[in-house]
Amino acid sequence: FLASPVPLDNSDVLDLYEGKPVTRPSAYSIE
Protein backbone atom coordinates (compact mmCIF):
# COMPACT_ATOMS: atom_id res chain seq x y z
CA PHE A 1 0.00 0.00 0.00
CA LEU A 2 0.97 3.64 -0.37
CA ALA A 3 2.67 4.30 2.99
CA SER A 4 3.68 7.94 2.50
CA PRO A 5 1.94 10.24 1.80
CA VAL A 6 -1.37 8.94 3.22
CA PRO A 7 -4.55 10.30 1.63
CA LEU A 8 -7.60 9.10 3.57
CA ASP A 9 -10.41 10.69 1.53
CA ASN A 10 -11.09 12.67 -1.64
CA SER A 11 -10.02 15.99 -0.13
CA ASP A 12 -6.61 14.49 0.73
CA VAL A 13 -6.32 13.04 -2.78
CA LEU A 14 -7.15 16.43 -4.30
CA ASP A 15 -4.52 18.08 -2.06
CA LEU A 16 -2.01 15.51 -3.29
CA TYR A 17 -2.90 16.20 -6.93
CA GLU A 18 -2.58 19.96 -6.29
CA GLY A 19 0.84 19.61 -4.62
CA LYS A 20 -0.40 20.63 -1.16
CA PRO A 21 1.02 19.07 2.03
CA VAL A 22 -0.49 15.68 2.85
CA THR A 23 0.05 13.66 6.02
CA ARG A 24 3.27 11.64 6.06
CA PRO A 25 3.43 9.09 8.91
CA SER A 26 6.65 8.75 10.84
CA ALA A 27 6.15 5.01 11.47
CA TYR A 28 3.84 2.02 11.11
CA SER A 29 3.25 -0.95 13.38
CA ILE A 30 1.20 -4.14 13.30
CA GLU A 31 -0.97 -4.78 16.34
Full PDB file with SEQRES, HELIX, SHEET, SSBOND, CRYST1, ORIGX, SCALE, CONECT and MASTER records, all heavy atoms in Angstrom:
SEQRES   1 A   31  PHE LEU ALA SER PRO VAL PRO LEU ASP ASN SER ASP VAL          
SEQRES   2 A   31  LEU ASP LEU TYR GLU GLY LYS PRO VAL THR ARG PRO SER          
SEQRES   3 A   31  ALA TYR SER ILE GLU                                          
HELIX    1 AA1 ASN A   10  TYR A   17  1                                   8    
CRYST1    1.000    1.000    1.000  90.00  90.00  90.00 P 1           1          
ORIGX1      1.000000  0.000000  0.000000        0.00000                         
ORIGX2      0.000000  1.000000  0.000000        0.00000                         
ORIGX3      0.000000  0.000000  1.000000        0.00000                         
SCALE1      1.000000  0.000000  0.000000        0.00000                         
SCALE2      0.000000  1.000000  0.000000        0.00000                         
SCALE3      0.000000  0.000000  1.000000        0.00000                         
ATOM      1  N   PHE A   1       0.843  -1.189   0.000  1.00  0.00           N  
ATOM      2  CA  PHE A   1       0.000   0.000   0.000  1.00  0.00           C  
ATOM      3  C   PHE A   1       0.882   1.243   0.000  1.00  0.00           C  
ATOM      4  O   PHE A   1       2.077   1.182   0.338  1.00  0.00           O  
ATOM      5  CB  PHE A   1      -0.925   0.015   1.230  1.00  0.00           C  
ATOM      6  CG  PHE A   1      -0.210  -0.109   2.548  1.00  0.00           C  
ATOM      7  CD1 PHE A   1       0.242   1.019   3.230  1.00  0.00           C  
ATOM      8  CD2 PHE A   1       0.022  -1.354   3.122  1.00  0.00           C  
ATOM      9  CE1 PHE A   1       0.903   0.911   4.439  1.00  0.00           C  
ATOM     10  CE2 PHE A   1       0.696  -1.475   4.328  1.00  0.00           C  
ATOM     11  CZ  PHE A   1       1.130  -0.335   4.992  1.00  0.00           C  
ATOM     12  N   LEU A   2       0.286   2.350  -0.397  1.00  0.00           N  
ATOM     13  CA  LEU A   2       0.966   3.636  -0.366  1.00  0.00           C  
ATOM     14  C   LEU A   2       1.139   4.040   1.093  1.00  0.00           C  
ATOM     15  O   LEU A   2       0.165   4.330   1.784  1.00  0.00           O  
ATOM     16  CB  LEU A   2       0.151   4.678  -1.134  1.00  0.00           C  
ATOM     17  CG  LEU A   2       0.751   6.088  -1.229  1.00  0.00           C  
ATOM     18  CD1 LEU A   2       2.054   6.070  -2.018  1.00  0.00           C  
ATOM     19  CD2 LEU A   2      -0.242   7.054  -1.860  1.00  0.00           C  
ATOM     20  N   ALA A   3       2.399   4.057   1.573  1.00  0.00           N  
ATOM     21  CA  ALA A   3       2.668   4.301   2.990  1.00  0.00           C  
ATOM     22  C   ALA A   3       2.925   5.769   3.286  1.00  0.00           C  
ATOM     23  O   ALA A   3       2.685   6.232   4.400  1.00  0.00           O  
ATOM     24  CB  ALA A   3       3.859   3.462   3.438  1.00  0.00           C  
ATOM     25  N   SER A   4       3.432   6.511   2.313  1.00  0.00           N  
ATOM     26  CA  SER A   4       3.683   7.938   2.497  1.00  0.00           C  
ATOM     27  C   SER A   4       3.738   8.594   1.123  1.00  0.00           C  
ATOM     28  O   SER A   4       4.472   8.124   0.254  1.00  0.00           O  
ATOM     29  CB  SER A   4       5.011   8.164   3.232  1.00  0.00           C  
ATOM     30  OG  SER A   4       5.265   9.528   3.410  1.00  0.00           O  
ATOM     31  N   PRO A   5       2.917   9.632   0.904  1.00  0.00           N  
ATOM     32  CA  PRO A   5       1.938  10.241   1.799  1.00  0.00           C  
ATOM     33  C   PRO A   5       0.721   9.330   1.992  1.00  0.00           C  
ATOM     34  O   PRO A   5       0.592   8.323   1.320  1.00  0.00           O  
ATOM     35  CB  PRO A   5       1.553  11.523   1.060  1.00  0.00           C  
ATOM     36  CG  PRO A   5       1.717  11.168  -0.388  1.00  0.00           C  
ATOM     37  CD  PRO A   5       2.916  10.253  -0.439  1.00  0.00           C  
ATOM     38  N   VAL A   6      -0.195   9.752   2.910  1.00  0.00           N  
ATOM     39  CA  VAL A   6      -1.370   8.941   3.223  1.00  0.00           C  
ATOM     40  C   VAL A   6      -2.638   9.758   3.019  1.00  0.00           C  
ATOM     41  O   VAL A   6      -3.085  10.454   3.925  1.00  0.00           O  
ATOM     42  CB  VAL A   6      -1.313   8.409   4.668  1.00  0.00           C  
ATOM     43  CG1 VAL A   6      -2.566   7.608   4.979  1.00  0.00           C  
ATOM     44  CG2 VAL A   6      -0.097   7.536   4.870  1.00  0.00           C  
ATOM     45  N   PRO A   7      -3.234   9.683   1.816  1.00  0.00           N  
ATOM     46  CA  PRO A   7      -4.553  10.297   1.632  1.00  0.00           C  
ATOM     47  C   PRO A   7      -5.637   9.373   2.154  1.00  0.00           C  
ATOM     48  O   PRO A   7      -5.645   8.178   1.846  1.00  0.00           O  
ATOM     49  CB  PRO A   7      -4.644  10.466   0.109  1.00  0.00           C  
ATOM     50  CG  PRO A   7      -3.720   9.438  -0.448  1.00  0.00           C  
ATOM     51  CD  PRO A   7      -2.686   9.129   0.577  1.00  0.00           C  
ATOM     52  N   LEU A   8      -6.553   9.916   2.966  1.00  0.00           N  
ATOM     53  CA  LEU A   8      -7.600   9.097   3.565  1.00  0.00           C  
ATOM     54  C   LEU A   8      -8.973   9.336   2.958  1.00  0.00           C  
ATOM     55  O   LEU A   8      -9.893   8.577   3.217  1.00  0.00           O  
ATOM     56  CB  LEU A   8      -7.671   9.358   5.077  1.00  0.00           C  
ATOM     57  CG  LEU A   8      -6.405   9.006   5.867  1.00  0.00           C  
ATOM     58  CD1 LEU A   8      -6.614   9.323   7.338  1.00  0.00           C  
ATOM     59  CD2 LEU A   8      -6.015   7.554   5.672  1.00  0.00           C  
ATOM     60  N   ASP A   9      -9.130  10.411   2.177  1.00  0.00           N  
ATOM     61  CA  ASP A   9     -10.413  10.687   1.530  1.00  0.00           C  
ATOM     62  C   ASP A   9     -10.157  11.535   0.295  1.00  0.00           C  
ATOM     63  O   ASP A   9      -9.004  11.840  -0.050  1.00  0.00           O  
ATOM     64  CB  ASP A   9     -11.393  11.375   2.490  1.00  0.00           C  
ATOM     65  CG  ASP A   9     -10.810  12.636   3.129  1.00  0.00           C  
ATOM     66  OD1 ASP A   9      -9.939  13.275   2.508  1.00  0.00           O  
ATOM     67  OD2 ASP A   9     -11.237  13.001   4.243  1.00  0.00           O  
ATOM     68  N   ASN A  10     -11.233  11.937  -0.387  1.00  0.00           N  
ATOM     69  CA  ASN A  10     -11.087  12.674  -1.643  1.00  0.00           C  
ATOM     70  C   ASN A  10     -10.411  14.023  -1.458  1.00  0.00           C  
ATOM     71  O   ASN A  10      -9.674  14.485  -2.326  1.00  0.00           O  
ATOM     72  CB  ASN A  10     -12.459  12.867  -2.298  1.00  0.00           C  
ATOM     73  CG  ASN A  10     -12.833  11.707  -3.206  1.00  0.00           C  
ATOM     74  OD1 ASN A  10     -12.211  10.650  -3.155  1.00  0.00           O  
ATOM     75  ND2 ASN A  10     -13.836  11.893  -4.037  1.00  0.00           N  
ATOM     76  N   SER A  11     -10.657  14.689  -0.331  1.00  0.00           N  
ATOM     77  CA  SER A  11     -10.021  15.989  -0.126  1.00  0.00           C  
ATOM     78  C   SER A  11      -8.512  15.834  -0.005  1.00  0.00           C  
ATOM     79  O   SER A  11      -7.747  16.657  -0.528  1.00  0.00           O  
ATOM     80  CB  SER A  11     -10.601  16.676   1.117  1.00  0.00           C  
ATOM     81  OG  SER A  11     -10.358  15.914   2.277  1.00  0.00           O  
ATOM     82  N   ASP A  12      -8.048  14.744   0.657  1.00  0.00           N  
ATOM     83  CA  ASP A  12      -6.606  14.488   0.732  1.00  0.00           C  
ATOM     84  C   ASP A  12      -6.038  14.175  -0.646  1.00  0.00           C  
ATOM     85  O   ASP A  12      -4.937  14.612  -0.998  1.00  0.00           O  
ATOM     86  CB  ASP A  12      -6.326  13.315   1.672  1.00  0.00           C  
ATOM     87  CG  ASP A  12      -6.550  13.661   3.133  1.00  0.00           C  
ATOM     88  OD1 ASP A  12      -6.627  14.864   3.449  1.00  0.00           O  
ATOM     89  OD2 ASP A  12      -6.666  12.734   3.947  1.00  0.00           O  
ATOM     90  N   VAL A  13      -6.785  13.384  -1.430  1.00  0.00           N  
ATOM     91  CA  VAL A  13      -6.319  13.041  -2.778  1.00  0.00           C  
ATOM     92  C   VAL A  13      -6.207  14.296  -3.632  1.00  0.00           C  
ATOM     93  O   VAL A  13      -5.231  14.478  -4.369  1.00  0.00           O  
ATOM     94  CB  VAL A  13      -7.277  12.015  -3.430  1.00  0.00           C  
ATOM     95  CG1 VAL A  13      -6.932  11.814  -4.903  1.00  0.00           C  
ATOM     96  CG2 VAL A  13      -7.210  10.681  -2.690  1.00  0.00           C  
ATOM     97  N   LEU A  14      -7.198  15.190  -3.527  1.00  0.00           N  
ATOM     98  CA  LEU A  14      -7.147  16.432  -4.297  1.00  0.00           C  
ATOM     99  C   LEU A  14      -5.969  17.285  -3.857  1.00  0.00           C  
ATOM    100  O   LEU A  14      -5.281  17.885  -4.692  1.00  0.00           O  
ATOM    101  CB  LEU A  14      -8.459  17.195  -4.133  1.00  0.00           C  
ATOM    102  CG  LEU A  14      -8.636  18.429  -5.018  1.00  0.00           C  
ATOM    103  CD1 LEU A  14      -8.520  18.057  -6.494  1.00  0.00           C  
ATOM    104  CD2 LEU A  14      -9.964  19.100  -4.741  1.00  0.00           C  
ATOM    105  N   ASP A  15      -5.695  17.345  -2.539  1.00  0.00           N  
ATOM    106  CA  ASP A  15      -4.518  18.082  -2.061  1.00  0.00           C  
ATOM    107  C   ASP A  15      -3.241  17.496  -2.655  1.00  0.00           C  
ATOM    108  O   ASP A  15      -2.326  18.231  -3.044  1.00  0.00           O  
ATOM    109  CB  ASP A  15      -4.445  18.016  -0.533  1.00  0.00           C  
ATOM    110  CG  ASP A  15      -5.478  18.907   0.140  1.00  0.00           C  
ATOM    111  OD1 ASP A  15      -6.037  19.789  -0.550  1.00  0.00           O  
ATOM    112  OD2 ASP A  15      -5.737  18.708   1.344  1.00  0.00           O  
ATOM    113  N   LEU A  16      -3.184  16.171  -2.733  1.00  0.00           N  
ATOM    114  CA  LEU A  16      -2.011  15.511  -3.291  1.00  0.00           C  
ATOM    115  C   LEU A  16      -1.858  15.851  -4.769  1.00  0.00           C  
ATOM    116  O   LEU A  16      -0.748  16.137  -5.251  1.00  0.00           O  
ATOM    117  CB  LEU A  16      -2.129  14.003  -3.090  1.00  0.00           C  
ATOM    118  CG  LEU A  16      -0.939  13.142  -3.503  1.00  0.00           C  
ATOM    119  CD1 LEU A  16       0.325  13.565  -2.777  1.00  0.00           C  
ATOM    120  CD2 LEU A  16      -1.238  11.671  -3.221  1.00  0.00           C  
ATOM    121  N   TYR A  17      -2.953  15.833  -5.520  1.00  0.00           N  
ATOM    122  CA  TYR A  17      -2.903  16.204  -6.934  1.00  0.00           C  
ATOM    123  C   TYR A  17      -2.486  17.669  -7.109  1.00  0.00           C  
ATOM    124  O   TYR A  17      -1.832  18.022  -8.084  1.00  0.00           O  
ATOM    125  CB  TYR A  17      -4.274  15.983  -7.581  1.00  0.00           C  
ATOM    126  CG  TYR A  17      -4.502  14.587  -8.098  1.00  0.00           C  
ATOM    127  CD1 TYR A  17      -5.582  13.823  -7.646  1.00  0.00           C  
ATOM    128  CD2 TYR A  17      -3.667  14.031  -9.065  1.00  0.00           C  
ATOM    129  CE1 TYR A  17      -5.808  12.548  -8.135  1.00  0.00           C  
ATOM    130  CE2 TYR A  17      -3.889  12.758  -9.560  1.00  0.00           C  
ATOM    131  CZ  TYR A  17      -4.954  12.018  -9.088  1.00  0.00           C  
ATOM    132  OH  TYR A  17      -5.174  10.747  -9.577  1.00  0.00           O  
ATOM    133  N   GLU A  18      -2.883  18.540  -6.167  1.00  0.00           N  
ATOM    134  CA  GLU A  18      -2.580  19.960  -6.287  1.00  0.00           C  
ATOM    135  C   GLU A  18      -1.223  20.326  -5.701  1.00  0.00           C  
ATOM    136  O   GLU A  18      -0.829  21.497  -5.714  1.00  0.00           O  
ATOM    137  CB  GLU A  18      -3.670  20.775  -5.591  1.00  0.00           C  
ATOM    138  CG  GLU A  18      -5.026  20.678  -6.278  1.00  0.00           C  
ATOM    139  CD  GLU A  18      -6.090  21.516  -5.599  1.00  0.00           C  
ATOM    140  OE1 GLU A  18      -5.820  22.033  -4.497  1.00  0.00           O  
ATOM    141  OE2 GLU A  18      -7.186  21.668  -6.169  1.00  0.00           O  
ATOM    142  N   GLY A  19      -0.483  19.328  -5.157  1.00  0.00           N  
ATOM    143  CA  GLY A  19       0.843  19.607  -4.616  1.00  0.00           C  
ATOM    144  C   GLY A  19       0.822  20.202  -3.224  1.00  0.00           C  
ATOM    145  O   GLY A  19       1.839  20.730  -2.753  1.00  0.00           O  
ATOM    146  N   LYS A  20      -0.318  20.117  -2.533  1.00  0.00           N  
ATOM    147  CA  LYS A  20      -0.396  20.632  -1.164  1.00  0.00           C  
ATOM    148  C   LYS A  20       0.140  19.592  -0.181  1.00  0.00           C  
ATOM    149  O   LYS A  20       0.208  18.404  -0.498  1.00  0.00           O  
ATOM    150  CB  LYS A  20      -1.844  20.981  -0.822  1.00  0.00           C  
ATOM    151  CG  LYS A  20      -2.435  22.095  -1.674  1.00  0.00           C  
ATOM    152  CD  LYS A  20      -3.890  22.330  -1.306  1.00  0.00           C  
ATOM    153  CE  LYS A  20      -4.513  23.415  -2.173  1.00  0.00           C  
ATOM    154  NZ  LYS A  20      -5.955  23.617  -1.865  1.00  0.00           N  
ATOM    155  N   PRO A  21       0.512  20.026   1.036  1.00  0.00           N  
ATOM    156  CA  PRO A  21       1.020  19.068   2.031  1.00  0.00           C  
ATOM    157  C   PRO A  21      -0.041  18.033   2.396  1.00  0.00           C  
ATOM    158  O   PRO A  21      -1.202  18.363   2.593  1.00  0.00           O  
ATOM    159  CB  PRO A  21       1.365  19.953   3.240  1.00  0.00           C  
ATOM    160  CG  PRO A  21       1.508  21.324   2.693  1.00  0.00           C  
ATOM    161  CD  PRO A  21       0.577  21.419   1.517  1.00  0.00           C  
ATOM    162  N   VAL A  22       0.374  16.791   2.448  1.00  0.00           N  
ATOM    163  CA  VAL A  22      -0.485  15.681   2.851  1.00  0.00           C  
ATOM    164  C   VAL A  22       0.229  14.919   3.963  1.00  0.00           C  
ATOM    165  O   VAL A  22       1.462  14.867   3.987  1.00  0.00           O  
ATOM    166  CB  VAL A  22      -0.798  14.752   1.655  1.00  0.00           C  
ATOM    167  CG1 VAL A  22      -1.668  13.582   2.090  1.00  0.00           C  
ATOM    168  CG2 VAL A  22      -1.491  15.518   0.542  1.00  0.00           C  
ATOM    169  N   THR A  23      -0.537  14.344   4.866  1.00  0.00           N  
ATOM    170  CA  THR A  23       0.046  13.662   6.022  1.00  0.00           C  
ATOM    171  C   THR A  23       1.067  12.608   5.597  1.00  0.00           C  
ATOM    172  O   THR A  23       0.806  11.786   4.719  1.00  0.00           O  
ATOM    173  CB  THR A  23      -1.065  12.984   6.844  1.00  0.00           C  
ATOM    174  OG1 THR A  23      -1.988  13.976   7.273  1.00  0.00           O  
ATOM    175  CG2 THR A  23      -0.486  12.276   8.061  1.00  0.00           C  
ATOM    176  N   ARG A  24       2.226  12.646   6.274  1.00  0.00           N  
ATOM    177  CA  ARG A  24       3.270  11.640   6.059  1.00  0.00           C  
ATOM    178  C   ARG A  24       3.593  11.006   7.405  1.00  0.00           C  
ATOM    179  O   ARG A  24       4.181  11.650   8.280  1.00  0.00           O  
ATOM    180  CB  ARG A  24       4.518  12.263   5.442  1.00  0.00           C  
ATOM    181  CG  ARG A  24       4.303  12.709   4.002  1.00  0.00           C  
ATOM    182  CD  ARG A  24       5.585  13.204   3.363  1.00  0.00           C  
ATOM    183  NE  ARG A  24       5.352  13.618   1.979  1.00  0.00           N  
ATOM    184  CZ  ARG A  24       5.426  12.815   0.923  1.00  0.00           C  
ATOM    185  NH1 ARG A  24       5.730  11.529   1.114  1.00  0.00           N  
ATOM    186  NH2 ARG A  24       5.197  13.252  -0.294  1.00  0.00           N  
ATOM    187  N   PRO A  25       3.179   9.744   7.613  1.00  0.00           N  
ATOM    188  CA  PRO A  25       3.430   9.086   8.906  1.00  0.00           C  
ATOM    189  C   PRO A  25       4.919   8.941   9.170  1.00  0.00           C  
ATOM    190  O   PRO A  25       5.737   8.830   8.249  1.00  0.00           O  
ATOM    191  CB  PRO A  25       2.768   7.721   8.745  1.00  0.00           C  
ATOM    192  CG  PRO A  25       1.786   7.895   7.628  1.00  0.00           C  
ATOM    193  CD  PRO A  25       2.394   8.902   6.712  1.00  0.00           C  
ATOM    194  N   SER A  26       5.252   8.942  10.447  1.00  0.00           N  
ATOM    195  CA  SER A  26       6.654   8.749  10.838  1.00  0.00           C  
ATOM    196  C   SER A  26       6.966   7.271  11.069  1.00  0.00           C  
ATOM    197  O   SER A  26       8.140   6.885  11.101  1.00  0.00           O  
ATOM    198  CB  SER A  26       6.956   9.534  12.112  1.00  0.00           C  
ATOM    199  OG  SER A  26       6.094   9.135  13.165  1.00  0.00           O  
ATOM    200  N   ALA A  27       5.924   6.441  11.234  1.00  0.00           N  
ATOM    201  CA  ALA A  27       6.153   5.006  11.466  1.00  0.00           C  
ATOM    202  C   ALA A  27       4.843   4.248  11.313  1.00  0.00           C  
ATOM    203  O   ALA A  27       3.754   4.835  11.365  1.00  0.00           O  
ATOM    204  CB  ALA A  27       6.733   4.777  12.857  1.00  0.00           C  
ATOM    205  N   TYR A  28       4.988   2.940  11.116  1.00  0.00           N  
ATOM    206  CA  TYR A  28       3.840   2.021  11.109  1.00  0.00           C  
ATOM    207  C   TYR A  28       4.147   0.874  12.065  1.00  0.00           C  
ATOM    208  O   TYR A  28       5.315   0.531  12.315  1.00  0.00           O  
ATOM    209  CB  TYR A  28       3.598   1.442   9.713  1.00  0.00           C  
ATOM    210  CG  TYR A  28       2.931   2.384   8.737  1.00  0.00           C  
ATOM    211  CD1 TYR A  28       3.696   3.162   7.875  1.00  0.00           C  
ATOM    212  CD2 TYR A  28       1.552   2.485   8.669  1.00  0.00           C  
ATOM    213  CE1 TYR A  28       3.098   4.031   6.969  1.00  0.00           C  
ATOM    214  CE2 TYR A  28       0.934   3.338   7.778  1.00  0.00           C  
ATOM    215  CZ  TYR A  28       1.711   4.107   6.931  1.00  0.00           C  
ATOM    216  OH  TYR A  28       1.107   4.969   6.048  1.00  0.00           O  
ATOM    217  N   SER A  29       3.091   0.267  12.581  1.00  0.00           N  
ATOM    218  CA  SER A  29       3.251  -0.948  13.378  1.00  0.00           C  
ATOM    219  C   SER A  29       2.054  -1.856  13.146  1.00  0.00           C  
ATOM    220  O   SER A  29       0.978  -1.399  12.744  1.00  0.00           O  
ATOM    221  CB  SER A  29       3.389  -0.608  14.866  1.00  0.00           C  
ATOM    222  OG  SER A  29       2.204   0.017  15.353  1.00  0.00           O  
ATOM    223  N   ILE A  30       2.256  -3.138  13.401  1.00  0.00           N  
ATOM    224  CA  ILE A  30       1.197  -4.141  13.302  1.00  0.00           C  
ATOM    225  C   ILE A  30       0.818  -4.559  14.710  1.00  0.00           C  
ATOM    226  O   ILE A  30       1.679  -4.962  15.505  1.00  0.00           O  
ATOM    227  CB  ILE A  30       1.662  -5.364  12.492  1.00  0.00           C  
ATOM    228  CG1 ILE A  30       2.057  -4.956  11.068  1.00  0.00           C  
ATOM    229  CG2 ILE A  30       0.577  -6.423  12.473  1.00  0.00           C  
ATOM    230  CD1 ILE A  30       0.925  -4.397  10.244  1.00  0.00           C  
ATOM    231  N   GLU A  31      -0.490  -4.440  15.008  1.00  0.00           N  
ATOM    232  CA  GLU A  31      -0.972  -4.781  16.342  1.00  0.00           C  
ATOM    233  C   GLU A  31      -1.949  -5.950  16.251  1.00  0.00           C  
ATOM    234  O   GLU A  31      -2.829  -5.966  15.390  1.00  0.00           O  
ATOM    235  CB  GLU A  31      -1.652  -3.571  16.995  1.00  0.00           C  
ATOM    236  CG  GLU A  31      -0.719  -2.372  17.139  1.00  0.00           C  
ATOM    237  CD  GLU A  31      -1.422  -1.158  17.708  1.00  0.00           C  
ATOM    238  OE1 GLU A  31      -2.657  -1.219  17.896  1.00  0.00           O  
ATOM    239  OE2 GLU A  31      -0.749  -0.136  17.961  1.00  0.00           O  
TER     240      GLU A  31                                                      
MASTER        0    0    0    1    0    0    0    6  239    1    0    3          
END                                                                             
